[in-house]
Amino acid sequence: MIIRDVFSDVLLGLAVVLVLASSLGVLVMRDVYQKLHFVTPAGLVAPVLVALAVLVQQGYSENTVETWLTLLFLAIAGPFLTHATIRAARIRETGDWRPGGDGGVSTEEEAP
């Protein structure tokens, strides 16, 4: 077995452990805001470990370039997806995404 294979397997193993730990965190946390903190390692750090494993195993090749382009897309799209998820959760809870928003429902009665 070549040292390259061992190092690649270690990186992939770390990625699997990270995803399992993140999944456990999502399972244990109570609300959506806490759960989203545990999605980030599985959605960004684990793919970096996988991309490093591909780089170690393949060297610089077409597969490596495609893997890193995919990782770049994940790094760019991840924050937008998280923001959209938080906004949707806020709308579901309060009826409006803005802080202090009440979804158009007035809690005070208007004076005549």
PDB file of N, CA and C in Angstrom:
ATOM      1  N   MET A   1       0.846  -1.180   0.000  1.00  0.00           N
ATOM      2  CA  MET A   1       0.000   0.000   0.000  1.00  0.00           C
ATOM      3  C   MET A   1       0.891   1.243   0.000  1.00  0.00           C
ATOM      4  N   ILE A   2       0.559   2.172  -0.845  1.00  0.00           N
ATOM      5  CA  ILE A   2       1.350   3.388  -0.999  1.00  0.00           C
ATOM      6  C   ILE A   2       0.907   4.406   0.053  1.00  0.00           C
ATOM      7  N   ILE A   3       1.835   5.236   0.482  1.00  0.00           N
ATOM      8  CA  ILE A   3       1.535   6.269   1.479  1.00  0.00           C
ATOM      9  C   ILE A   3       0.442   7.211   0.984  1.00  0.00           C
ATOM     10  N   ARG A   4       0.376   7.414  -0.315  1.00  0.00           N
ATOM     11  CA  ARG A   4      -0.658   8.251  -0.917  1.00  0.00           C
ATOM     12  C   ARG A   4      -2.045   7.666  -0.629  1.00  0.00           C
ATOM     13  N   ASP A   5      -2.181   6.361  -0.731  1.00  0.00           N
ATOM     14  CA  ASP A   5      -3.462   5.704  -0.444  1.00  0.00           C
ATOM     15  C   ASP A   5      -3.852   5.847   1.022  1.00  0.00           C
ATOM     16  N   VAL A   6      -2.881   5.687   1.893  1.00  0.00           N
ATOM     17  CA  VAL A   6      -3.141   5.799   3.334  1.00  0.00           C
ATOM     18  C   VAL A   6      -3.596   7.216   3.678  1.00  0.00           C
ATOM     19  N   PHE A   7      -2.875   8.204   3.165  1.00  0.00           N
ATOM     20  CA  PHE A   7      -3.212   9.600   3.455  1.00  0.00           C
ATOM     21  C   PHE A   7      -4.595   9.944   2.899  1.00  0.00           C
ATOM     22  N   SER A   8      -4.894   9.474   1.716  1.00  0.00           N
ATOM     23  CA  SER A   8      -6.200   9.704   1.105  1.00  0.00           C
ATOM     24  C   SER A   8      -7.305   9.050   1.933  1.00  0.00           C
ATOM     25  N   ASP A   9      -7.069   7.820   2.394  1.00  0.00           N
ATOM     26  CA  ASP A   9      -8.056   7.131   3.225  1.00  0.00           C
ATOM     27  C   ASP A   9      -8.277   7.843   4.558  1.00  0.00           C
ATOM     28  N   VAL A  10      -7.212   8.381   5.128  1.00  0.00           N
ATOM     29  CA  VAL A  10      -7.340   9.128   6.384  1.00  0.00           C
ATOM     30  C   VAL A  10      -8.195  10.382   6.169  1.00  0.00           C
ATOM     31  N   LEU A  11      -7.964  11.101   5.082  1.00  0.00           N
ATOM     32  CA  LEU A  11      -8.767  12.297   4.789  1.00  0.00           C
ATOM     33  C   LEU A  11     -10.233  11.943   4.575  1.00  0.00           C
ATOM     34  N   LEU A  12     -10.500  10.865   3.852  1.00  0.00           N
ATOM     35  CA  LEU A  12     -11.883  10.439   3.641  1.00  0.00           C
ATOM     36  C   LEU A  12     -12.527   9.980   4.949  1.00  0.00           C
ATOM     37  N   GLY A  13     -11.761   9.313   5.792  1.00  0.00           N
ATOM     38  CA  GLY A  13     -12.275   8.897   7.102  1.00  0.00           C
ATOM     39  C   GLY A  13     -12.621  10.093   7.972  1.00  0.00           C
ATOM     40  N   LEU A  14     -11.769  11.115   7.948  1.00  0.00           N
ATOM     41  CA  LEU A  14     -12.066  12.334   8.695  1.00  0.00           C
ATOM     42  C   LEU A  14     -13.332  13.007   8.181  1.00  0.00           C
ATOM     43  N   ALA A  15     -13.522  12.995   6.874  1.00  0.00           N
ATOM     44  CA  ALA A  15     -14.735  13.580   6.296  1.00  0.00           C
ATOM     45  C   ALA A  15     -15.977  12.819   6.763  1.00  0.00           C
ATOM     46  N   VAL A  16     -15.891  11.505   6.799  1.00  0.00           N
ATOM     47  CA  VAL A  16     -17.028  10.692   7.253  1.00  0.00           C
ATOM     48  C   VAL A  16     -17.326  10.959   8.722  1.00  0.00           C
ATOM     49  N   VAL A  17     -16.291  11.006   9.559  1.00  0.00           N
ATOM     50  CA  VAL A  17     -16.489  11.284  10.987  1.00  0.00           C
ATOM     51  C   VAL A  17     -17.102  12.665  11.182  1.00  0.00           C
ATOM     52  N   LEU A  18     -16.651  13.639  10.411  1.00  0.00           N
ATOM     53  CA  LEU A  18     -17.186  14.993  10.512  1.00  0.00           C
ATOM     54  C   LEU A  18     -18.662  15.040  10.123  1.00  0.00           C
ATOM     55  N   VAL A  19     -19.034  14.347   9.071  1.00  0.00           N
ATOM     56  CA  VAL A  19     -20.433  14.318   8.649  1.00  0.00           C
ATOM     57  C   VAL A  19     -21.293  13.607   9.690  1.00  0.00           C
ATOM     58  N   LEU A  20     -20.798  12.519  10.253  1.00  0.00           N
ATOM     59  CA  LEU A  20     -21.551  11.822  11.297  1.00  0.00           C
ATOM     60  C   LEU A  20     -21.728  12.695  12.539  1.00  0.00           C
ATOM     61  N   ALA A  21     -20.678  13.407  12.945  1.00  0.00           N
ATOM     62  CA  ALA A  21     -20.773  14.304  14.102  1.00  0.00           C
ATOM     63  C   ALA A  21     -21.738  15.455  13.824  1.00  0.00           C
ATOM     64  N   SER A  22     -21.699  15.991  12.616  1.00  0.00           N
ATOM     65  CA  SER A  22     -22.628  17.063  12.252  1.00  0.00           C
ATOM     66  C   SER A  22     -24.067  16.557  12.249  1.00  0.00           C
ATOM     67  N   SER A  23     -24.264  15.339  11.761  1.00  0.00           N
ATOM     68  CA  SER A  23     -25.604  14.749  11.750  1.00  0.00           C
ATOM     69  C   SER A  23     -26.124  14.559  13.167  1.00  0.00           C
ATOM     70  N   LEU A  24     -25.256  14.144  14.059  1.00  0.00           N
ATOM     71  CA  LEU A  24     -25.649  13.993  15.451  1.00  0.00           C
ATOM     72  C   LEU A  24     -26.022  15.346  16.055  1.00  0.00           C
ATOM     73  N   GLY A  25     -25.255  16.372  15.735  1.00  0.00           N
ATOM     74  CA  GLY A  25     -25.575  17.721  16.212  1.00  0.00           C
ATOM     75  C   GLY A  25     -26.914  18.205  15.707  1.00  0.00           C
ATOM     76  N   VAL A  26     -27.226  17.936  14.448  1.00  0.00           N
ATOM     77  CA  VAL A  26     -28.528  18.321  13.892  1.00  0.00           C
ATOM     78  C   VAL A  26     -29.643  17.559  14.596  1.00  0.00           C
ATOM     79  N   LEU A  27     -29.403  16.312  14.901  1.00  0.00           N
ATOM     80  CA  LEU A  27     -30.398  15.487  15.581  1.00  0.00           C
ATOM     81  C   LEU A  27     -30.664  15.970  17.005  1.00  0.00           C
ATOM     82  N   VAL A  28     -29.625  16.425  17.697  1.00  0.00           N
ATOM     83  CA  VAL A  28     -29.744  16.781  19.111  1.00  0.00           C
ATOM     84  C   VAL A  28     -30.290  18.201  19.324  1.00  0.00           C
ATOM     85  N   MET A  29     -29.956  19.124  18.478  1.00  0.00           N
ATOM     86  CA  MET A  29     -30.372  20.511  18.680  1.00  0.00           C
ATOM     87  C   MET A  29     -31.890  20.670  18.553  1.00  0.00           C
ATOM     88  N   ARG A  30     -32.412  21.689  19.227  1.00  0.00           N
ATOM     89  CA  ARG A  30     -33.861  21.848  19.316  1.00  0.00           C
ATOM     90  C   ARG A  30     -34.483  22.663  18.187  1.00  0.00           C
ATOM     91  N   ASP A  31     -33.912  23.811  17.873  1.00  0.00           N
ATOM     92  CA  ASP A  31     -34.557  24.649  16.859  1.00  0.00           C
ATOM     93  C   ASP A  31     -33.701  24.745  15.599  1.00  0.00           C
ATOM     94  N   VAL A  32     -34.314  25.285  14.558  1.00  0.00           N
ATOM     95  CA  VAL A  32     -33.683  25.309  13.235  1.00  0.00           C
ATOM     96  C   VAL A  32     -32.417  26.165  13.219  1.00  0.00           C
ATOM     97  N   TYR A  33     -32.383  27.213  14.027  1.00  0.00           N
ATOM     98  CA  TYR A  33     -31.223  28.099  14.035  1.00  0.00           C
ATOM     99  C   TYR A  33     -29.998  27.387  14.616  1.00  0.00           C
ATOM    100  N   GLN A  34     -30.206  26.612  15.666  1.00  0.00           N
ATOM    101  CA  GLN A  34     -29.102  25.843  16.240  1.00  0.00           C
ATOM    102  C   GLN A  34     -28.673  24.723  15.294  1.00  0.00           C
ATOM    103  N   LYS A  35     -29.627  24.110  14.633  1.00  0.00           N
ATOM    104  CA  LYS A  35     -29.315  23.008  13.726  1.00  0.00           C
ATOM    105  C   LYS A  35     -28.472  23.469  12.541  1.00  0.00           C
ATOM    106  N   LEU A  36     -28.726  24.678  12.058  1.00  0.00           N
ATOM    107  CA  LEU A  36     -27.977  25.175  10.901  1.00  0.00           C
ATOM    108  C   LEU A  36     -26.491  25.352  11.202  1.00  0.00           C
ATOM    109  N   HIS A  37     -26.136  25.559  12.463  1.00  0.00           N
ATOM    110  CA  HIS A  37     -24.721  25.651  12.817  1.00  0.00           C
ATOM    111  C   HIS A  37     -23.997  24.328  12.567  1.00  0.00           C
ATOM    112  N   PHE A  38     -24.723  23.231  12.690  1.00  0.00           N
ATOM    113  CA  PHE A  38     -24.105  21.925  12.507  1.00  0.00           C
ATOM    114  C   PHE A  38     -24.119  21.468  11.050  1.00  0.00           C
ATOM    115  N   VAL A  39     -24.835  22.158  10.203  1.00  0.00           N
ATOM    116  CA  VAL A  39     -24.864  21.816   8.782  1.00  0.00           C
ATOM    117  C   VAL A  39     -23.596  22.316   8.077  1.00  0.00           C
ATOM    118  N   THR A  40     -23.046  23.416   8.541  1.00  0.00           N
ATOM    119  CA  THR A  40     -21.888  24.020   7.885  1.00  0.00           C
ATOM    120  C   THR A  40     -20.671  23.096   7.804  1.00  0.00           C
ATOM    121  N   PRO A  41     -20.264  22.421   8.886  1.00  0.00           N
ATOM    122  CA  PRO A  41     -19.109  21.523   8.734  1.00  0.00           C
ATOM    123  C   PRO A  41     -19.350  20.411   7.717  1.00  0.00           C
ATOM    124  N   ALA A  42     -20.570  19.881   7.704  1.00  0.00           N
ATOM    125  CA  ALA A  42     -20.875  18.804   6.751  1.00  0.00           C
ATOM    126  C   ALA A  42     -20.966  19.345   5.328  1.00  0.00           C
ATOM    127  N   GLY A  43     -21.368  20.592   5.192  1.00  0.00           N
ATOM    128  CA  GLY A  43     -21.544  21.165   3.866  1.00  0.00           C
ATOM    129  C   GLY A  43     -20.328  21.858   3.289  1.00  0.00           C
ATOM    130  N   LEU A  44     -19.349  22.176   4.130  1.00  0.00           N
ATOM    131  CA  LEU A  44     -18.181  22.882   3.613  1.00  0.00           C
ATOM    132  C   LEU A  44     -16.859  22.221   3.999  1.00  0.00           C
ATOM    133  N   VAL A  45     -16.689  21.877   5.251  1.00  0.00           N
ATOM    134  CA  VAL A  45     -15.404  21.323   5.696  1.00  0.00           C
ATOM    135  C   VAL A  45     -15.205  19.901   5.168  1.00  0.00           C
ATOM    136  N   ALA A  46     -16.243  19.077   5.230  1.00  0.00           N
ATOM    137  CA  ALA A  46     -16.131  17.702   4.728  1.00  0.00           C
ATOM    138  C   ALA A  46     -15.816  17.669   3.222  1.00  0.00           C
ATOM    139  N   PRO A  47     -16.467  18.507   2.394  1.00  0.00           N
ATOM    140  CA  PRO A  47     -16.070  18.520   0.984  1.00  0.00           C
ATOM    141  C   PRO A  47     -14.627  18.972   0.751  1.00  0.00           C
ATOM    142  N   VAL A  48     -14.103  19.850   1.602  1.00  0.00           N
ATOM    143  CA  VAL A  48     -12.694  20.240   1.485  1.00  0.00           C
ATOM    144  C   VAL A  48     -11.806  19.026   1.745  1.00  0.00           C
ATOM    145  N   LEU A  49     -12.158  18.230   2.757  1.00  0.00           N
ATOM    146  CA  LEU A  49     -11.377  17.019   3.038  1.00  0.00           C
ATOM    147  C   LEU A  49     -11.457  16.021   1.882  1.00  0.00           C
ATOM    148  N   VAL A  50     -12.633  15.892   1.286  1.00  0.00           N
ATOM    149  CA  VAL A  50     -12.782  14.996   0.135  1.00  0.00           C
ATOM    150  C   VAL A  50     -11.967  15.510  -1.047  1.00  0.00           C
ATOM    151  N   ALA A  51     -12.004  16.825  -1.281  1.00  0.00           N
ATOM    152  CA  ALA A  51     -11.228  17.399  -2.382  1.00  0.00           C
ATOM    153  C   ALA A  51      -9.726  17.207  -2.152  1.00  0.00           C
ATOM    154  N   LEU A  52      -9.292  17.339  -0.915  1.00  0.00           N
ATOM    155  CA  LEU A  52      -7.879  17.077  -0.613  1.00  0.00           C
ATOM    156  C   LEU A  52      -7.526  15.613  -0.845  1.00  0.00           C
ATOM    157  N   ALA A  53      -8.444  14.721  -0.502  1.00  0.00           N
ATOM    158  CA  ALA A  53      -8.209  13.293  -0.748  1.00  0.00           C
ATOM    159  C   ALA A  53      -8.092  13.004  -2.239  1.00  0.00           C
ATOM    160  N   VAL A  54      -8.925  13.657  -3.044  1.00  0.00           N
ATOM    161  CA  VAL A  54      -8.850  13.489  -4.496  1.00  0.00           C
ATOM    162  C   VAL A  54      -7.517  14.039  -5.010  1.00  0.00           C
ATOM    163  N   LEU A  55      -7.100  15.182  -4.483  1.00  0.00           N
ATOM    164  CA  LEU A  55      -5.827  15.772  -4.893  1.00  0.00           C
ATOM    165  C   LEU A  55      -4.657  14.855  -4.542  1.00  0.00           C
ATOM    166  N   VAL A  56      -4.690  14.280  -3.347  1.00  0.00           N
ATOM    167  CA  VAL A  56      -3.618  13.375  -2.939  1.00  0.00           C
ATOM    168  C   VAL A  56      -3.614  12.125  -3.808  1.00  0.00           C
ATOM    169  N   GLN A  57      -4.781  11.573  -4.065  1.00  0.00           N
ATOM    170  CA  GLN A  57      -4.885  10.316  -4.817  1.00  0.00           C
ATOM    171  C   GLN A  57      -4.585  10.502  -6.306  1.00  0.00           C
ATOM    172  N   GLN A  58      -5.137  11.543  -6.912  1.00  0.00           N
ATOM    173  CA  GLN A  58      -5.049  11.724  -8.361  1.00  0.00           C
ATOM    174  C   GLN A  58      -3.904  12.640  -8.800  1.00  0.00           C
ATOM    175  N   GLY A  59      -3.422  13.488  -7.880  1.00  0.00           N
ATOM    176  CA  GLY A  59      -2.473  14.511  -8.293  1.00  0.00           C
ATOM    177  C   GLY A  59      -3.229  15.597  -9.051  1.00  0.00           C
ATOM    178  N   TYR A  60      -2.513  16.397  -9.810  1.00  0.00           N
ATOM    179  CA  TYR A  60      -3.177  17.426 -10.603  1.00  0.00           C
ATOM    180  C   TYR A  60      -3.683  16.804 -11.895  1.00  0.00           C
ATOM    181  N   SER A  61      -5.003  16.681 -12.002  1.00  0.00           N
ATOM    182  CA  SER A  61      -5.617  16.080 -13.180  1.00  0.00           C
ATOM    183  C   SER A  61      -6.960  16.754 -13.437  1.00  0.00           C
ATOM    184  N   GLU A  62      -7.634  16.281 -14.459  1.00  0.00           N
ATOM    185  CA  GLU A  62      -8.947  16.825 -14.786  1.00  0.00           C
ATOM    186  C   GLU A  62      -9.932  16.575 -13.642  1.00  0.00           C
ATOM    187  N   ASN A  63      -9.859  15.415 -13.017  1.00  0.00           N
ATOM    188  CA  ASN A  63     -10.742  15.098 -11.888  1.00  0.00           C
ATOM    189  C   ASN A  63     -10.524  16.045 -10.720  1.00  0.00           C
ATOM    190  N   THR A  64      -9.271  16.385 -10.472  1.00  0.00           N
ATOM    191  CA  THR A  64      -8.959  17.294  -9.380  1.00  0.00           C
ATOM    192  C   THR A  64      -9.512  18.684  -9.656  1.00  0.00           C
ATOM    193  N   VAL A  65      -9.363  19.153 -10.868  1.00  0.00           N
ATOM    194  CA  VAL A  65      -9.873  20.475 -11.228  1.00  0.00           C
ATOM    195  C   VAL A  65     -11.396  20.515 -11.091  1.00  0.00           C
ATOM    196  N   GLU A  66     -12.074  19.483 -11.557  1.00  0.00           N
ATOM    197  CA  GLU A  66     -13.532  19.432 -11.432  1.00  0.00           C
ATOM    198  C   GLU A  66     -13.963  19.392  -9.968  1.00  0.00           C
ATOM    199  N   THR A  67     -13.216  18.673  -9.160  1.00  0.00           N
ATOM    200  CA  THR A  67     -13.531  18.596  -7.738  1.00  0.00           C
ATOM    201  C   THR A  67     -13.382  19.956  -7.072  1.00  0.00           C
ATOM    202  N   TRP A  68     -12.317  20.658  -7.385  1.00  0.00           N
ATOM    203  CA  TRP A  68     -12.103  21.973  -6.775  1.00  0.00           C
ATOM    204  C   TRP A  68     -13.079  23.017  -7.303  1.00  0.00           C
ATOM    205  N   LEU A  69     -13.504  22.903  -8.560  1.00  0.00           N
ATOM    206  CA  LEU A  69     -14.548  23.806  -9.056  1.00  0.00           C
ATOM    207  C   LEU A  69     -15.873  23.558  -8.341  1.00  0.00           C
ATOM    208  N   THR A  70     -16.178  22.299  -8.091  1.00  0.00           N
ATOM    209  CA  THR A  70     -17.379  21.968  -7.334  1.00  0.00           C
ATOM    210  C   THR A  70     -17.289  22.517  -5.916  1.00  0.00           C
ATOM    211  N   LEU A  71     -16.129  22.398  -5.309  1.00  0.00           N
ATOM    212  CA  LEU A  71     -15.920  22.930  -3.969  1.00  0.00           C
ATOM    213  C   LEU A  71     -16.080  24.448  -3.959  1.00  0.00           C
ATOM    214  N   LEU A  72     -15.592  25.112  -4.985  1.00  0.00           N
ATOM    215  CA  LEU A  72     -15.767  26.561  -5.089  1.00  0.00           C
ATOM    216  C   LEU A  72     -17.247  26.927  -5.163  1.00  0.00           C
ATOM    217  N   PHE A  73     -18.008  26.162  -5.951  1.00  0.00           N
ATOM    218  CA  PHE A  73     -19.448  26.399  -6.032  1.00  0.00           C
ATOM    219  C   PHE A  73     -20.109  26.203  -4.668  1.00  0.00           C
ATOM    220  N   LEU A  74     -19.728  25.156  -3.946  1.00  0.00           N
ATOM    221  CA  LEU A  74     -20.289  24.923  -2.615  1.00  0.00           C
ATOM    222  C   LEU A  74     -19.957  26.064  -1.654  1.00  0.00           C
ATOM    223  N   ALA A  75     -18.739  26.564  -1.739  1.00  0.00           N
ATOM    224  CA  ALA A  75     -18.327  27.655  -0.854  1.00  0.00           C
ATOM    225  C   ALA A  75     -19.090  28.940  -1.162  1.00  0.00           C
ATOM    226  N   ILE A  76     -19.426  29.158  -2.421  1.00  0.00           N
ATOM    227  CA  ILE A  76     -20.166  30.363  -2.797  1.00  0.00           C
ATOM    228  C   ILE A  76     -21.656  30.204  -2.502  1.00  0.00           C
ATOM    229  N   ALA A  77     -22.219  29.051  -2.821  1.00  0.00           N
ATOM    230  CA  ALA A  77     -23.665  28.851  -2.684  1.00  0.00           C
ATOM    231  C   ALA A  77     -24.094  28.565  -1.247  1.00  0.00           C
ATOM    232  N   GLY A  78     -23.209  28.018  -0.421  1.00  0.00           N
ATOM    233  CA  GLY A  78     -23.560  27.630   0.939  1.00  0.00           C
ATOM    234  C   GLY A  78     -24.146  28.749   1.786  1.00  0.00           C
ATOM    235  N   PRO A  79     -23.488  29.902   1.873  1.00  0.00           N
ATOM    236  CA  PRO A  79     -24.046  30.992   2.681  1.00  0.00           C
ATOM    237  C   PRO A  79     -25.400  31.480   2.177  1.00  0.00           C
ATOM    238  N   PHE A  80     -25.598  31.496   0.864  1.00  0.00           N
ATOM    239  CA  PHE A  80     -26.889  31.917   0.325  1.00  0.00           C
ATOM    240  C   PHE A  80     -27.988  30.932   0.701  1.00  0.00           C
ATOM    241  N   LEU A  81     -27.685  29.651   0.629  1.00  0.00           N
ATOM    242  CA  LEU A  81     -28.648  28.628   1.001  1.00  0.00           C
ATOM    243  C   LEU A  81     -28.982  28.701   2.484  1.00  0.00           C
ATOM    244  N   THR A  82     -27.983  28.921   3.318  1.00  0.00           N
ATOM    245  CA  THR A  82     -28.217  29.059   4.751  1.00  0.00           C
ATOM    246  C   THR A  82     -29.072  30.275   5.048  1.00  0.00           C
ATOM    247  N   HIS A  83     -28.772  31.385   4.388  1.00  0.00           N
ATOM    248  CA  HIS A  83     -29.556  32.605   4.593  1.00  0.00           C
ATOM    249  C   HIS A  83     -31.012  32.394   4.165  1.00  0.00           C
ATOM    250  N   ALA A  84     -31.225  31.747   3.035  1.00  0.00           N
ATOM    251  CA  ALA A  84     -32.587  31.484   2.571  1.00  0.00           C
ATOM    252  C   ALA A  84     -33.331  30.559   3.529  1.00  0.00           C
ATOM    253  N   THR A  85     -32.633  29.595   4.087  1.00  0.00           N
ATOM    254  CA  THR A  85     -33.260  28.681   5.048  1.00  0.00           C
ATOM    255  C   THR A  85     -33.650  29.419   6.320  1.00  0.00           C
ATOM    256  N   ILE A  86     -32.770  30.280   6.816  1.00  0.00           N
ATOM    257  CA  ILE A  86     -33.081  31.058   8.014  1.00  0.00           C
ATOM    258  C   ILE A  86     -34.244  32.001   7.748  1.00  0.00           C
ATOM    259  N   ARG A  87     -34.260  32.619   6.578  1.00  0.00           N
ATOM    260  CA  ARG A  87     -35.358  33.525   6.245  1.00  0.00           C
ATOM    261  C   ARG A  87     -36.683  32.766   6.168  1.00  0.00           C
ATOM    262  N   ALA A  88     -36.677  31.589   5.563  1.00  0.00           N
ATOM    263  CA  ALA A  88     -37.904  30.791   5.478  1.00  0.00           C
ATOM    264  C   ALA A  88     -38.374  30.358   6.870  1.00  0.00           C
ATOM    265  N   ALA A  89     -37.437  30.002   7.745  1.00  0.00           N
ATOM    266  CA  ALA A  89     -37.813  29.615   9.112  1.00  0.00           C
ATOM    267  C   ALA A  89     -38.394  30.806   9.860  1.00  0.00           C
ATOM    268  N   ARG A  90     -37.821  31.970   9.660  1.00  0.00           N
ATOM    269  CA  ARG A  90     -38.327  33.179  10.327  1.00  0.00           C
ATOM    270  C   ARG A  90     -39.721  33.533   9.825  1.00  0.00           C
ATOM    271  N   ILE A  91     -39.947  33.404   8.526  1.00  0.00           N
ATOM    272  CA  ILE A  91     -41.274  33.688   7.974  1.00  0.00           C
ATOM    273  C   ILE A  91     -42.294  32.698   8.533  1.00  0.00           C
ATOM    274  N   ARG A  92     -41.898  31.444   8.647  1.00  0.00           N
ATOM    275  CA  ARG A  92     -42.820  30.431   9.188  1.00  0.00           C
ATOM    276  C   ARG A  92     -43.160  30.726  10.648  1.00  0.00           C
ATOM    277  N   GLU A  93     -42.175  31.197  11.423  1.00  0.00           N
ATOM    278  CA  GLU A  93     -42.404  31.462  12.844  1.00  0.00           C
ATOM    279  C   GLU A  93     -43.174  32.745  13.098  1.00  0.00           C
ATOM    280  N   THR A  94     -42.808  33.831  12.401  1.00  0.00           N
ATOM    281  CA  THR A  94     -43.383  35.138  12.723  1.00  0.00           C
ATOM    282  C   THR A  94     -44.277  35.702  11.640  1.00  0.00           C
ATOM    283  N   GLY A  95     -44.236  35.145  10.441  1.00  0.00           N
ATOM    284  CA  GLY A  95     -45.036  35.676   9.345  1.00  0.00           C
ATOM    285  C   GLY A  95     -44.315  36.739   8.535  1.00  0.00           C
ATOM    286  N   ASP A  96     -43.136  37.162   8.983  1.00  0.00           N
ATOM    287  CA  ASP A  96     -42.359  38.170   8.273  1.00  0.00           C
ATOM    288  C   ASP A  96     -40.885  37.903   8.551  1.00  0.00           C
ATOM    289  N   TRP A  97     -40.022  38.225   7.612  1.00  0.00           N
ATOM    290  CA  TRP A  97     -38.602  37.958   7.785  1.00  0.00           C
ATOM    291  C   TRP A  97     -37.876  39.094   8.475  1.00  0.00           C
ATOM    292  N   ARG A  98     -38.477  40.279   8.500  1.00  0.00           N
ATOM    293  CA  ARG A  98     -37.801  41.438   9.087  1.00  0.00           C
ATOM    294  C   ARG A  98     -37.826  41.385  10.611  1.00  0.00           C
ATOM    295  N   PRO A  99     -36.766  41.885  11.260  1.00  0.00           N
ATOM    296  CA  PRO A  99     -36.756  41.917  12.728  1.00  0.00           C
ATOM    297  C   PRO A  99     -37.921  42.760  13.236  1.00  0.00           C
ATOM    298  N   GLY A 100     -38.637  42.228  14.180  1.00  0.00           N
ATOM    299  CA  GLY A 100     -39.789  42.946  14.734  1.00  0.00           C
ATOM    300  C   GLY A 100     -40.998  42.877  13.839  1.00  0.00           C
ATOM    301  N   GLY A 101     -40.875  42.199  12.697  1.00  0.00           N
ATOM    302  CA  GLY A 101     -41.995  42.079  11.769  1.00  0.00           C
ATOM    303  C   GLY A 101     -43.065  41.182  12.334  1.00  0.00           C
ATOM    304  N   ASP A 102     -44.314  41.550  12.071  1.00  0.00           N
ATOM    305  CA  ASP A 102     -45.413  40.763  12.612  1.00  0.00           C
ATOM    306  C   ASP A 102     -46.302  40.199  11.501  1.00  0.00           C
ATOM    307  N   GLY A 103     -45.789  40.240  10.291  1.00  0.00           N
ATOM    308  CA  GLY A 103     -46.547  39.657   9.196  1.00  0.00           C
ATOM    309  C   GLY A 103     -47.775  40.459   8.807  1.00  0.00           C
ATOM    310  N   GLY A 104     -47.769  41.733   9.147  1.00  0.00           N
ATOM    311  CA  GLY A 104     -48.893  42.575   8.779  1.00  0.00           C
ATOM    312  C   GLY A 104     -50.034  42.530   9.785  1.00  0.00           C
ATOM    313  N   VAL A 105     -49.889  41.806  10.850  1.00  0.00           N
ATOM    314  CA  VAL A 105     -50.921  41.725  11.866  1.00  0.00           C
ATOM    315  C   VAL A 105     -50.610  42.728  12.943  1.00  0.00           C
ATOM    316  N   SER A 106     -51.529  43.606  13.192  1.00  0.00           N
ATOM    317  CA  SER A 106     -51.325  44.639  14.179  1.00  0.00           C
ATOM    318  C   SER A 106     -51.742  44.134  15.546  1.00  0.00           C
ATOM    319  N   THR A 107     -50.899  44.373  16.549  1.00  0.00           N
ATOM    320  CA  THR A 107     -51.245  43.961  17.895  1.00  0.00           C
ATOM    321  C   THR A 107     -51.954  45.063  18.655  1.00  0.00           C
ATOM    322  N   GLU A 108     -51.861  46.277  18.152  1.00  0.00           N
ATOM    323  CA  GLU A 108     -52.543  47.396  18.795  1.00  0.00           C
ATOM    324  C   GLU A 108     -53.762  47.764  17.978  1.00  0.00           C
ATOM    325  N   GLU A 109     -54.820  48.132  18.681  1.00  0.00           N
ATOM    326  CA  GLU A 109     -56.008  48.568  17.953  1.00  0.00           C
ATOM    327  C   GLU A 109     -55.845  50.044  17.588  1.00  0.00           C
ATOM    328  N   GLU A 110     -56.353  50.397  16.417  1.00  0.00           N
ATOM    329  CA  GLU A 110     -56.235  51.771  15.954  1.00  0.00           C
ATOM    330  C   GLU A 110     -57.267  52.630  16.674  1.00  0.00           C
ATOM    331  N   ALA A 111     -56.861  53.838  16.989  1.00  0.00           N
ATOM    332  CA  ALA A 111     -57.777  54.775  17.646  1.00  0.00           C
ATOM    333  C   ALA A 111     -58.751  55.315  16.604  1.00  0.00           C
ATOM    334  N   PRO A 112     -60.027  55.485  16.988  1.00  0.00           N
ATOM    335  CA  PRO A 112     -61.015  55.997  16.021  1.00  0.00           C
ATOM    336  C   PRO A 112     -60.850  57.437  15.675  1.00  0.00           C
TER     337      PRO A 112
END
